[in-house]
Amino acid sequence: MVEFETIINPPQEVFDQLAQLTSDPPENWCFKSEDYDLWKTTYDQLWLVTVVEKGTTNFVASVSLTRWDGPDGALYSIGMFYCKGKFRGQGFGKPIFQKVFDIIGDNNATLTGAVKMSAKYDKVFGFNKCPEHWHWFSSVKCADVKIPDTVSKEYLTNDWSEVDYEALTAYDRTICTRDRKKYITAWFKLPESVTRVVLNKSGQIVGYATIRPVLNNRLSPAPFYADNLEAAEVLLKDLLNSIPNWREYETFGFTYPGCNKDPVILLEKYSNSKDSISTVKFFRSQFTKKLIATPDQKVYSVSDNAHQFV
């Protein structure tokens, strides 16, 4: 008879199984092996609670928790709550979720509630501070993408390393009110990632975005922020052109607030037809104590749907 054990922050090969399982349909989350080390080094603490077959690294179930300290106190974030298909319905998920929830105590906490789980997070665990909208995910096959011949000349982009970094982090604080300089610096430096910053004619930063390959031969433009659609068009063009052989990837897409229609308009401008775009309701941003507001009209894609809320 197979026995099981719970391990906190297991070996890399356990995370790699989790990343692949959650990247496969129907989840289609956007992760890579390197994200484990990213979370370990950029948050004040990480708990990746996993269940494995005893004496092995064979993945069964998981949930992750990060602690992000700030002047207004700690913000905890729950993510990667997943159980391998053949083990579902056997009681592996609830105990480990309760384990990380107990760590949070009276602090504010957030998670991205999947469509089928959002109501349970609200009613059972008190994640009831939510925006009115859901987040949606819209994607397009790279083979169906057509980069416009002309985009606005009112904006230009530079690599993130070529702009005033203090100005860039100041812009990020207009998107996320919590200081995440440590996190985004590490994000920009991830292998194979490209980050470009869009500026107006006065040299003022009006957006930025990172794009990187993720599992299952996909591209993930995340985060993607822009003050307006015109600037976003310029940013997306230069971002795609920064990836060698980008057409060889399967898809790319945006995870965005449903109240912002511009991400879909942007994809339509870059697609051969509207029928090329696939859209699904993806998650709801949920908090326990206080909803942290975000400038939704500037958010074309959130940075990370595991432990970042924007």
C-alpha atoms as a PDB file:
ATOM      1  CA  MET A   1       0.000   0.000   0.000  1.00  0.00           C
ATOM      2  CA  VAL A   2       1.345   3.431  -0.987  1.00  0.00           C
ATOM      3  CA  GLU A   3       2.072   5.800   1.923  1.00  0.00           C
ATOM      4  CA  PHE A   4       2.361   9.563   1.750  1.00  0.00           C
ATOM      5  CA  GLU A   5       4.289  12.306   3.514  1.00  0.00           C
ATOM      6  CA  THR A   6       4.167  16.099   3.650  1.00  0.00           C
ATOM      7  CA  ILE A   7       7.331  18.059   2.843  1.00  0.00           C
ATOM      8  CA  ILE A   8       7.837  21.821   3.111  1.00  0.00           C
ATOM      9  CA  ASN A   9      10.063  23.304   0.375  1.00  0.00           C
ATOM     10  CA  PRO A  10      10.845  19.977  -1.296  1.00  0.00           C
ATOM     11  CA  PRO A  11      13.620  19.276  -3.825  1.00  0.00           C
ATOM     12  CA  GLN A  12      13.532  21.034  -7.186  1.00  0.00           C
ATOM     13  CA  GLU A  13      12.279  17.932  -9.011  1.00  0.00           C
ATOM     14  CA  VAL A  14       9.032  18.060  -7.033  1.00  0.00           C
ATOM     15  CA  PHE A  15       8.422  21.664  -8.074  1.00  0.00           C
ATOM     16  CA  ASP A  16       9.263  20.776 -11.670  1.00  0.00           C
ATOM     17  CA  GLN A  17       6.462  18.182 -11.677  1.00  0.00           C
ATOM     18  CA  LEU A  18       4.059  20.772 -10.239  1.00  0.00           C
ATOM     19  CA  ALA A  19       5.063  23.380 -12.819  1.00  0.00           C
ATOM     20  CA  GLN A  20       4.485  20.937 -15.677  1.00  0.00           C
ATOM     21  CA  LEU A  21       1.164  19.632 -14.363  1.00  0.00           C
ATOM     22  CA  THR A  22      -0.237  23.134 -13.918  1.00  0.00           C
ATOM     23  CA  SER A  23       1.076  24.237 -17.309  1.00  0.00           C
ATOM     24  CA  ASP A  24      -0.829  21.457 -19.071  1.00  0.00           C
ATOM     25  CA  PRO A  25      -4.501  21.830 -20.086  1.00  0.00           C
ATOM     26  CA  PRO A  26      -6.952  22.589 -18.661  1.00  0.00           C
ATOM     27  CA  GLU A  27      -5.025  24.784 -16.168  1.00  0.00           C
ATOM     28  CA  ASN A  28      -2.615  26.389 -18.678  1.00  0.00           C
ATOM     29  CA  TRP A  29      -0.774  28.338 -15.978  1.00  0.00           C
ATOM     30  CA  CYS A  30       2.457  30.049 -17.038  1.00  0.00           C
ATOM     31  CA  PHE A  31       5.399  28.806 -14.995  1.00  0.00           C
ATOM     32  CA  LYS A  32       8.974  27.581 -15.355  1.00  0.00           C
ATOM     33  CA  SER A  33      11.421  25.644 -13.241  1.00  0.00           C
ATOM     34  CA  GLU A  34      13.235  28.854 -12.277  1.00  0.00           C
ATOM     35  CA  ASP A  35      10.176  30.306 -10.524  1.00  0.00           C
ATOM     36  CA  TYR A  36      10.858  28.226  -7.414  1.00  0.00           C
ATOM     37  CA  ASP A  37      14.182  29.941  -6.766  1.00  0.00           C
ATOM     38  CA  LEU A  38      12.642  33.296  -7.681  1.00  0.00           C
ATOM     39  CA  TRP A  39      10.040  32.978  -4.924  1.00  0.00           C
ATOM     40  CA  LYS A  40      12.614  31.703  -2.428  1.00  0.00           C
ATOM     41  CA  THR A  41      14.903  34.685  -2.960  1.00  0.00           C
ATOM     42  CA  THR A  42      12.493  37.588  -3.483  1.00  0.00           C
ATOM     43  CA  TYR A  43       9.850  37.054  -0.802  1.00  0.00           C
ATOM     44  CA  ASP A  44      10.557  37.318   2.910  1.00  0.00           C
ATOM     45  CA  GLN A  45       9.517  33.702   3.328  1.00  0.00           C
ATOM     46  CA  LEU A  46       8.201  30.862   1.171  1.00  0.00           C
ATOM     47  CA  TRP A  47       6.404  27.742   2.256  1.00  0.00           C
ATOM     48  CA  LEU A  48       5.804  25.259  -0.558  1.00  0.00           C
ATOM     49  CA  VAL A  49       3.831  22.549   1.212  1.00  0.00           C
ATOM     50  CA  THR A  50       3.738  19.355  -0.830  1.00  0.00           C
ATOM     51  CA  VAL A  51       2.437  15.844  -0.422  1.00  0.00           C
ATOM     52  CA  VAL A  52       4.547  13.140  -2.078  1.00  0.00           C
ATOM     53  CA  GLU A  53       4.570   9.381  -2.115  1.00  0.00           C
ATOM     54  CA  LYS A  54       6.617   8.475   0.936  1.00  0.00           C
ATOM     55  CA  GLY A  55      10.323   7.982   0.318  1.00  0.00           C
ATOM     56  CA  THR A  56      10.092   9.397  -3.212  1.00  0.00           C
ATOM     57  CA  THR A  57       9.762  12.715  -4.997  1.00  0.00           C
ATOM     58  CA  ASN A  58       6.559  11.634  -6.738  1.00  0.00           C
ATOM     59  CA  PHE A  59       4.220  14.626  -6.575  1.00  0.00           C
ATOM     60  CA  VAL A  60       0.693  14.276  -5.169  1.00  0.00           C
ATOM     61  CA  ALA A  61      -0.566  17.722  -4.052  1.00  0.00           C
ATOM     62  CA  SER A  62       0.670  21.185  -3.112  1.00  0.00           C
ATOM     63  CA  VAL A  63      -0.065  24.670  -1.883  1.00  0.00           C
ATOM     64  CA  SER A  64       2.379  27.561  -1.565  1.00  0.00           C
ATOM     65  CA  LEU A  65       2.466  30.542   0.760  1.00  0.00           C
ATOM     66  CA  THR A  66       4.646  33.641   0.605  1.00  0.00           C
ATOM     67  CA  ARG A  67       5.161  36.420   3.147  1.00  0.00           C
ATOM     68  CA  TRP A  68       5.845  39.888   1.757  1.00  0.00           C
ATOM     69  CA  ASP A  69       6.755  42.422   4.437  1.00  0.00           C
ATOM     70  CA  GLY A  70       6.114  46.130   4.110  1.00  0.00           C
ATOM     71  CA  PRO A  71       5.622  49.313   6.157  1.00  0.00           C
ATOM     72  CA  ASP A  72       1.917  48.491   6.414  1.00  0.00           C
ATOM     73  CA  GLY A  73       2.614  44.989   7.679  1.00  0.00           C
ATOM     74  CA  ALA A  74       2.948  41.580   6.076  1.00  0.00           C
ATOM     75  CA  LEU A  75       0.923  40.482   3.071  1.00  0.00           C
ATOM     76  CA  TYR A  76       0.587  36.736   2.689  1.00  0.00           C
ATOM     77  CA  SER A  77      -0.210  35.120  -0.645  1.00  0.00           C
ATOM     78  CA  ILE A  78      -1.497  31.618  -1.295  1.00  0.00           C
ATOM     79  CA  GLY A  79      -0.857  29.969  -4.647  1.00  0.00           C
ATOM     80  CA  MET A  80      -0.104  26.694  -6.437  1.00  0.00           C
ATOM     81  CA  PHE A  81      -3.019  24.867  -4.789  1.00  0.00           C
ATOM     82  CA  TYR A  82      -3.148  21.766  -6.910  1.00  0.00           C
ATOM     83  CA  CYS A  83      -3.723  18.027  -6.651  1.00  0.00           C
ATOM     84  CA  LYS A  84      -2.694  15.507  -9.279  1.00  0.00           C
ATOM     85  CA  GLY A  85      -5.728  14.084 -11.024  1.00  0.00           C
ATOM     86  CA  LYS A  86      -5.587  10.511  -9.814  1.00  0.00           C
ATOM     87  CA  PHE A  87      -5.369  11.644  -6.179  1.00  0.00           C
ATOM     88  CA  ARG A  88      -8.299  14.043  -6.204  1.00  0.00           C
ATOM     89  CA  GLY A  89     -11.176  13.405  -3.860  1.00  0.00           C
ATOM     90  CA  GLN A  90      -8.953  11.548  -1.368  1.00  0.00           C
ATOM     91  CA  GLY A  91      -8.530  14.373   1.149  1.00  0.00           C
ATOM     92  CA  PHE A  92      -5.020  15.595   0.317  1.00  0.00           C
ATOM     93  CA  GLY A  93      -5.872  19.241  -0.390  1.00  0.00           C
ATOM     94  CA  LYS A  94      -7.784  20.488   2.645  1.00  0.00           C
ATOM     95  CA  PRO A  95      -5.180  19.671   5.348  1.00  0.00           C
ATOM     96  CA  ILE A  96      -2.317  21.400   3.544  1.00  0.00           C
ATOM     97  CA  PHE A  97      -4.448  24.438   2.695  1.00  0.00           C
ATOM     98  CA  GLN A  98      -5.465  24.709   6.346  1.00  0.00           C
ATOM     99  CA  LYS A  99      -1.781  24.378   7.304  1.00  0.00           C
ATOM    100  CA  VAL A 100      -0.736  27.480   5.366  1.00  0.00           C
ATOM    101  CA  PHE A 101      -3.900  29.360   6.282  1.00  0.00           C
ATOM    102  CA  ASP A 102      -3.090  28.890   9.978  1.00  0.00           C
ATOM    103  CA  ILE A 103       0.312  30.552   9.427  1.00  0.00           C
ATOM    104  CA  ILE A 104      -1.365  33.748   8.185  1.00  0.00           C
ATOM    105  CA  GLY A 105      -3.066  34.560  11.483  1.00  0.00           C
ATOM    106  CA  ASP A 106      -4.631  38.030  11.563  1.00  0.00           C
ATOM    107  CA  ASN A 107      -2.567  39.379   8.673  1.00  0.00           C
ATOM    108  CA  ASN A 108      -3.967  40.358   5.293  1.00  0.00           C
ATOM    109  CA  ALA A 109      -3.780  37.599   2.712  1.00  0.00           C
ATOM    110  CA  THR A 110      -4.533  37.271  -0.976  1.00  0.00           C
ATOM    111  CA  LEU A 111      -4.989  34.581  -3.566  1.00  0.00           C
ATOM    112  CA  THR A 112      -6.202  34.206  -7.124  1.00  0.00           C
ATOM    113  CA  GLY A 113      -9.406  32.240  -6.849  1.00  0.00           C
ATOM    114  CA  ALA A 114     -10.046  29.895  -9.755  1.00  0.00           C
ATOM    115  CA  VAL A 115     -13.601  29.980 -11.080  1.00  0.00           C
ATOM    116  CA  LYS A 116     -14.633  26.700  -9.438  1.00  0.00           C
ATOM    117  CA  MET A 117     -12.962  27.528  -6.106  1.00  0.00           C
ATOM    118  CA  SER A 118     -13.584  31.264  -5.635  1.00  0.00           C
ATOM    119  CA  ALA A 119     -16.861  30.924  -3.723  1.00  0.00           C
ATOM    120  CA  LYS A 120     -15.325  28.377  -1.327  1.00  0.00           C
ATOM    121  CA  TYR A 121     -12.364  30.651  -0.593  1.00  0.00           C
ATOM    122  CA  ASP A 122     -14.890  33.402   0.168  1.00  0.00           C
ATOM    123  CA  LYS A 123     -17.316  31.471   2.375  1.00  0.00           C
ATOM    124  CA  VAL A 124     -14.988  29.031   4.145  1.00  0.00           C
ATOM    125  CA  PHE A 125     -11.735  30.965   4.515  1.00  0.00           C
ATOM    126  CA  GLY A 126     -12.877  34.592   4.440  1.00  0.00           C
ATOM    127  CA  PHE A 127     -11.271  35.712   1.181  1.00  0.00           C
ATOM    128  CA  ASN A 128     -14.234  38.048   0.703  1.00  0.00           C
ATOM    129  CA  LYS A 129     -12.599  41.367  -0.203  1.00  0.00           C
ATOM    130  CA  CYS A 130     -12.760  41.314  -4.006  1.00  0.00           C
ATOM    131  CA  PRO A 131     -13.044  43.713  -6.931  1.00  0.00           C
ATOM    132  CA  GLU A 132     -16.309  43.571  -8.831  1.00  0.00           C
ATOM    133  CA  HIS A 133     -14.629  42.084 -11.888  1.00  0.00           C
ATOM    134  CA  TRP A 134     -12.983  38.749 -12.652  1.00  0.00           C
ATOM    135  CA  HIS A 135      -9.665  38.359 -14.421  1.00  0.00           C
ATOM    136  CA  TRP A 136      -9.836  36.838 -17.889  1.00  0.00           C
ATOM    137  CA  PHE A 137      -7.228  35.148 -20.037  1.00  0.00           C
ATOM    138  CA  SER A 138      -7.106  35.813 -23.778  1.00  0.00           C
ATOM    139  CA  SER A 139      -4.564  34.108 -26.011  1.00  0.00           C
ATOM    140  CA  VAL A 140      -3.701  33.861 -29.672  1.00  0.00           C
ATOM    141  CA  LYS A 141      -1.660  31.365 -31.655  1.00  0.00           C
ATOM    142  CA  CYS A 142       1.645  32.852 -32.747  1.00  0.00           C
ATOM    143  CA  ALA A 143       0.999  31.498 -36.242  1.00  0.00           C
ATOM    144  CA  ASP A 144      -2.074  33.764 -36.413  1.00  0.00           C
ATOM    145  CA  VAL A 145      -0.257  36.920 -35.302  1.00  0.00           C
ATOM    146  CA  LYS A 146       0.391  39.746 -37.729  1.00  0.00           C
ATOM    147  CA  ILE A 147       2.516  42.589 -36.408  1.00  0.00           C
ATOM    148  CA  PRO A 148       1.181  45.926 -37.746  1.00  0.00           C
ATOM    149  CA  ASP A 149       3.377  47.646 -40.302  1.00  0.00           C
ATOM    150  CA  THR A 150       2.948  50.977 -38.568  1.00  0.00           C
ATOM    151  CA  VAL A 151       2.337  51.940 -34.953  1.00  0.00           C
ATOM    152  CA  SER A 152       2.286  55.303 -33.211  1.00  0.00           C
ATOM    153  CA  LYS A 153       5.379  57.473 -33.492  1.00  0.00           C
ATOM    154  CA  GLU A 154       4.458  59.201 -30.245  1.00  0.00           C
ATOM    155  CA  TYR A 155       6.157  56.453 -28.237  1.00  0.00           C
ATOM    156  CA  LEU A 156       9.372  54.453 -28.281  1.00  0.00           C
ATOM    157  CA  THR A 157      10.749  51.604 -26.200  1.00  0.00           C
ATOM    158  CA  ASN A 158      14.092  50.813 -24.613  1.00  0.00           C
ATOM    159  CA  ASP A 159      15.462  47.796 -22.829  1.00  0.00           C
ATOM    160  CA  TRP A 160      14.926  48.121 -19.061  1.00  0.00           C
ATOM    161  CA  SER A 161      18.691  48.310 -18.506  1.00  0.00           C
ATOM    162  CA  GLU A 162      18.865  51.461 -20.648  1.00  0.00           C
ATOM    163  CA  VAL A 163      16.375  53.593 -18.700  1.00  0.00           C
ATOM    164  CA  ASP A 164      16.517  55.389 -15.350  1.00  0.00           C
ATOM    165  CA  TYR A 165      15.872  52.496 -12.985  1.00  0.00           C
ATOM    166  CA  GLU A 166      14.614  54.710 -10.187  1.00  0.00           C
ATOM    167  CA  ALA A 167      12.068  56.173 -12.591  1.00  0.00           C
ATOM    168  CA  LEU A 168      11.066  52.651 -13.639  1.00  0.00           C
ATOM    169  CA  THR A 169      10.530  51.474 -10.061  1.00  0.00           C
ATOM    170  CA  ALA A 170       8.641  54.690  -9.334  1.00  0.00           C
ATOM    171  CA  TYR A 171       6.339  53.885 -12.256  1.00  0.00           C
ATOM    172  CA  ASP A 172       5.837  50.396 -10.856  1.00  0.00           C
ATOM    173  CA  ARG A 173       4.655  51.951  -7.589  1.00  0.00           C
ATOM    174  CA  THR A 174       1.815  53.570  -9.578  1.00  0.00           C
ATOM    175  CA  ILE A 175       0.754  50.033 -10.546  1.00  0.00           C
ATOM    176  CA  CYS A 176       1.434  48.248  -7.247  1.00  0.00           C
ATOM    177  CA  THR A 177       1.333  50.346  -4.088  1.00  0.00           C
ATOM    178  CA  ARG A 178       3.619  47.901  -2.284  1.00  0.00           C
ATOM    179  CA  ASP A 179       7.352  48.192  -2.865  1.00  0.00           C
ATOM    180  CA  ARG A 180       8.391  45.239  -5.039  1.00  0.00           C
ATOM    181  CA  LYS A 181      11.716  46.518  -6.345  1.00  0.00           C
ATOM    182  CA  LYS A 182      13.492  43.341  -5.223  1.00  0.00           C
ATOM    183  CA  TYR A 183      10.919  41.151  -6.964  1.00  0.00           C
ATOM    184  CA  ILE A 184      10.788  42.960 -10.309  1.00  0.00           C
ATOM    185  CA  THR A 185      14.572  43.311 -10.481  1.00  0.00           C
ATOM    186  CA  ALA A 186      14.923  39.548 -10.174  1.00  0.00           C
ATOM    187  CA  TRP A 187      12.039  39.048 -12.645  1.00  0.00           C
ATOM    188  CA  PHE A 188      13.769  41.209 -15.263  1.00  0.00           C
ATOM    189  CA  LYS A 189      16.954  39.165 -14.868  1.00  0.00           C
ATOM    190  CA  LEU A 190      15.360  35.749 -15.355  1.00  0.00           C
ATOM    191  CA  PRO A 191      17.004  33.666 -18.113  1.00  0.00           C
ATOM    192  CA  GLU A 192      15.519  34.237 -21.575  1.00  0.00           C
ATOM    193  CA  SER A 193      13.276  37.069 -20.367  1.00  0.00           C
ATOM    194  CA  VAL A 194      13.100  40.406 -22.174  1.00  0.00           C
ATOM    195  CA  THR A 195      11.790  43.579 -20.541  1.00  0.00           C
ATOM    196  CA  ARG A 196      11.098  46.743 -22.488  1.00  0.00           C
ATOM    197  CA  VAL A 197       9.965  50.119 -21.239  1.00  0.00           C
ATOM    198  CA  VAL A 198       7.744  52.424 -23.286  1.00  0.00           C
ATOM    199  CA  LEU A 199       8.270  56.187 -23.099  1.00  0.00           C
ATOM    200  CA  ASN A 200       6.556  59.215 -24.595  1.00  0.00           C
ATOM    201  CA  LYS A 201       8.335  61.964 -26.536  1.00  0.00           C
ATOM    202  CA  SER A 202       9.150  63.746 -23.293  1.00  0.00           C
ATOM    203  CA  GLY A 203      10.997  60.698 -22.017  1.00  0.00           C
ATOM    204  CA  GLN A 204       8.348  59.901 -19.429  1.00  0.00           C
ATOM    205  CA  ILE A 205       7.743  56.222 -18.704  1.00  0.00           C
ATOM    206  CA  VAL A 206       4.199  55.224 -19.673  1.00  0.00           C
ATOM    207  CA  GLY A 207       4.454  51.444 -19.340  1.00  0.00           C
ATOM    208  CA  TYR A 208       6.650  48.381 -19.339  1.00  0.00           C
ATOM    209  CA  ALA A 209       6.386  44.667 -20.018  1.00  0.00           C
ATOM    210  CA  THR A 210       8.364  41.470 -19.698  1.00  0.00           C
ATOM    211  CA  ILE A 211       8.060  38.526 -22.059  1.00  0.00           C
ATOM    212  CA  ARG A 212       9.595  35.090 -21.548  1.00  0.00           C
ATOM    213  CA  PRO A 213       9.207  31.529 -22.796  1.00  0.00           C
ATOM    214  CA  VAL A 214       7.294  29.265 -20.417  1.00  0.00           C
ATOM    215  CA  LEU A 215       6.512  25.557 -20.398  1.00  0.00           C
ATOM    216  CA  ASN A 216       4.739  23.912 -23.339  1.00  0.00           C
ATOM    217  CA  ASN A 217       6.437  26.160 -25.889  1.00  0.00           C
ATOM    218  CA  ARG A 218       4.440  29.276 -25.045  1.00  0.00           C
ATOM    219  CA  LEU A 219       5.350  32.926 -24.624  1.00  0.00           C
ATOM    220  CA  SER A 220       4.139  34.816 -21.574  1.00  0.00           C
ATOM    221  CA  PRO A 221       4.014  38.623 -21.727  1.00  0.00           C
ATOM    222  CA  ALA A 222       3.720  39.232 -18.003  1.00  0.00           C
ATOM    223  CA  PRO A 223       3.575  41.737 -16.571  1.00  0.00           C
ATOM    224  CA  PHE A 224       2.313  44.099 -19.239  1.00  0.00           C
ATOM    225  CA  TYR A 225       1.348  47.637 -18.238  1.00  0.00           C
ATOM    226  CA  ALA A 226       0.621  50.675 -20.380  1.00  0.00           C
ATOM    227  CA  ASP A 227      -1.063  54.014 -19.766  1.00  0.00           C
ATOM    228  CA  ASN A 228      -3.038  53.762 -23.002  1.00  0.00           C
ATOM    229  CA  LEU A 229      -3.712  51.486 -25.959  1.00  0.00           C
ATOM    230  CA  GLU A 230      -1.481  53.465 -28.319  1.00  0.00           C
ATOM    231  CA  ALA A 231       1.548  52.973 -26.076  1.00  0.00           C
ATOM    232  CA  ALA A 232       0.628  49.306 -25.617  1.00  0.00           C
ATOM    233  CA  GLU A 233       0.694  48.725 -29.382  1.00  0.00           C
ATOM    234  CA  VAL A 234       4.243  50.057 -29.622  1.00  0.00           C
ATOM    235  CA  LEU A 235       5.319  48.059 -26.595  1.00  0.00           C
ATOM    236  CA  LEU A 236       3.927  44.763 -27.885  1.00  0.00           C
ATOM    237  CA  LYS A 237       5.526  45.196 -31.309  1.00  0.00           C
ATOM    238  CA  ASP A 238       8.984  45.801 -29.876  1.00  0.00           C
ATOM    239  CA  LEU A 239       8.547  43.086 -27.267  1.00  0.00           C
ATOM    240  CA  LEU A 240       7.725  40.396 -29.842  1.00  0.00           C
ATOM    241  CA  ASN A 241      10.520  41.540 -32.135  1.00  0.00           C
ATOM    242  CA  SER A 242      12.945  41.135 -29.213  1.00  0.00           C
ATOM    243  CA  ILE A 243      12.305  37.372 -29.077  1.00  0.00           C
ATOM    244  CA  PRO A 244      14.277  35.409 -31.687  1.00  0.00           C
ATOM    245  CA  ASN A 245      12.026  33.165 -33.783  1.00  0.00           C
ATOM    246  CA  TRP A 246       8.947  34.146 -31.770  1.00  0.00           C
ATOM    247  CA  ARG A 247       6.687  32.624 -34.429  1.00  0.00           C
ATOM    248  CA  GLU A 248       7.973  29.167 -33.511  1.00  0.00           C
ATOM    249  CA  TYR A 249       6.158  29.339 -30.183  1.00  0.00           C
ATOM    250  CA  GLU A 250       2.604  28.073 -29.867  1.00  0.00           C
ATOM    251  CA  THR A 251       0.739  30.948 -28.206  1.00  0.00           C
ATOM    252  CA  PHE A 252       0.940  34.061 -26.083  1.00  0.00           C
ATOM    253  CA  GLY A 253      -1.771  35.733 -24.063  1.00  0.00           C
ATOM    254  CA  PHE A 254      -2.812  38.275 -21.451  1.00  0.00           C
ATOM    255  CA  THR A 255      -4.324  37.780 -17.981  1.00  0.00           C
ATOM    256  CA  TYR A 256      -6.199  41.013 -17.338  1.00  0.00           C
ATOM    257  CA  PRO A 257      -8.975  42.645 -15.303  1.00  0.00           C
ATOM    258  CA  GLY A 258     -12.319  42.063 -17.006  1.00  0.00           C
ATOM    259  CA  CYS A 259     -13.185  45.755 -16.681  1.00  0.00           C
ATOM    260  CA  ASN A 260     -10.342  46.610 -19.068  1.00  0.00           C
ATOM    261  CA  LYS A 261     -11.296  45.877 -22.686  1.00  0.00           C
ATOM    262  CA  ASP A 262      -8.047  47.167 -24.197  1.00  0.00           C
ATOM    263  CA  PRO A 263      -6.052  43.900 -23.905  1.00  0.00           C
ATOM    264  CA  VAL A 264      -8.512  42.149 -26.223  1.00  0.00           C
ATOM    265  CA  ILE A 265      -8.533  45.124 -28.599  1.00  0.00           C
ATOM    266  CA  LEU A 266      -4.740  44.959 -28.651  1.00  0.00           C
ATOM    267  CA  LEU A 267      -4.776  41.251 -29.499  1.00  0.00           C
ATOM    268  CA  GLU A 268      -7.323  41.904 -32.239  1.00  0.00           C
ATOM    269  CA  LYS A 269      -4.999  44.492 -33.766  1.00  0.00           C
ATOM    270  CA  TYR A 270      -2.249  41.873 -33.842  1.00  0.00           C
ATOM    271  CA  SER A 271      -4.344  38.945 -35.080  1.00  0.00           C
ATOM    272  CA  ASN A 272      -5.340  37.830 -38.544  1.00  0.00           C
ATOM    273  CA  SER A 273      -8.936  37.697 -37.317  1.00  0.00           C
ATOM    274  CA  LYS A 274     -10.974  38.026 -34.133  1.00  0.00           C
ATOM    275  CA  ASP A 275     -11.734  34.307 -34.387  1.00  0.00           C
ATOM    276  CA  SER A 276      -8.054  33.606 -33.691  1.00  0.00           C
ATOM    277  CA  ILE A 277      -8.416  34.791 -30.093  1.00  0.00           C
ATOM    278  CA  SER A 278      -9.447  32.414 -27.319  1.00  0.00           C
ATOM    279  CA  THR A 279     -10.866  33.913 -24.106  1.00  0.00           C
ATOM    280  CA  VAL A 280     -11.785  32.262 -20.792  1.00  0.00           C
ATOM    281  CA  LYS A 281     -12.753  33.476 -17.331  1.00  0.00           C
ATOM    282  CA  PHE A 282      -9.613  32.746 -15.317  1.00  0.00           C
ATOM    283  CA  PHE A 283      -9.654  33.857 -11.664  1.00  0.00           C
ATOM    284  CA  ARG A 284     -10.735  36.428  -9.120  1.00  0.00           C
ATOM    285  CA  SER A 285      -8.308  38.447  -6.985  1.00  0.00           C
ATOM    286  CA  GLN A 286      -9.376  37.889  -3.369  1.00  0.00           C
ATOM    287  CA  PHE A 287      -8.204  39.289  -0.011  1.00  0.00           C
ATOM    288  CA  THR A 288      -9.067  38.543   3.606  1.00  0.00           C
ATOM    289  CA  LYS A 289      -8.681  41.886   5.414  1.00  0.00           C
ATOM    290  CA  LYS A 290      -8.248  44.644   2.858  1.00  0.00           C
ATOM    291  CA  LEU A 291      -8.593  44.813  -0.899  1.00  0.00           C
ATOM    292  CA  ILE A 292      -5.516  46.446  -2.439  1.00  0.00           C
ATOM    293  CA  ALA A 293      -6.726  48.547  -5.345  1.00  0.00           C
ATOM    294  CA  THR A 294      -4.928  48.521  -8.696  1.00  0.00           C
ATOM    295  CA  PRO A 295      -5.126  50.827 -11.757  1.00  0.00           C
ATOM    296  CA  ASP A 296      -7.003  48.286 -13.856  1.00  0.00           C
ATOM    297  CA  GLN A 297      -7.098  50.336 -17.055  1.00  0.00           C
ATOM    298  CA  LYS A 298      -3.300  50.163 -17.209  1.00  0.00           C
ATOM    299  CA  VAL A 299      -3.083  46.410 -16.559  1.00  0.00           C
ATOM    300  CA  TYR A 300      -2.906  44.348 -19.752  1.00  0.00           C
ATOM    301  CA  SER A 301      -1.450  41.343 -17.953  1.00  0.00           C
ATOM    302  CA  VAL A 302      -0.647  40.653 -14.311  1.00  0.00           C
ATOM    303  CA  SER A 303       2.908  39.708 -13.435  1.00  0.00           C
ATOM    304  CA  ASP A 304       2.350  36.323 -11.775  1.00  0.00           C
ATOM    305  CA  ASN A 305      -0.938  34.642 -10.949  1.00  0.00           C
ATOM    306  CA  ALA A 306       0.570  32.617  -8.099  1.00  0.00           C
ATOM    307  CA  HIS A 307       1.801  35.267  -5.664  1.00  0.00           C
ATOM    308  CA  GLN A 308       1.286  38.704  -7.221  1.00  0.00           C
ATOM    309  CA  PHE A 309      -2.101  40.401  -7.404  1.00  0.00           C
ATOM    310  CA  VAL A 310      -1.179  42.768 -10.235  1.00  0.00           C
END
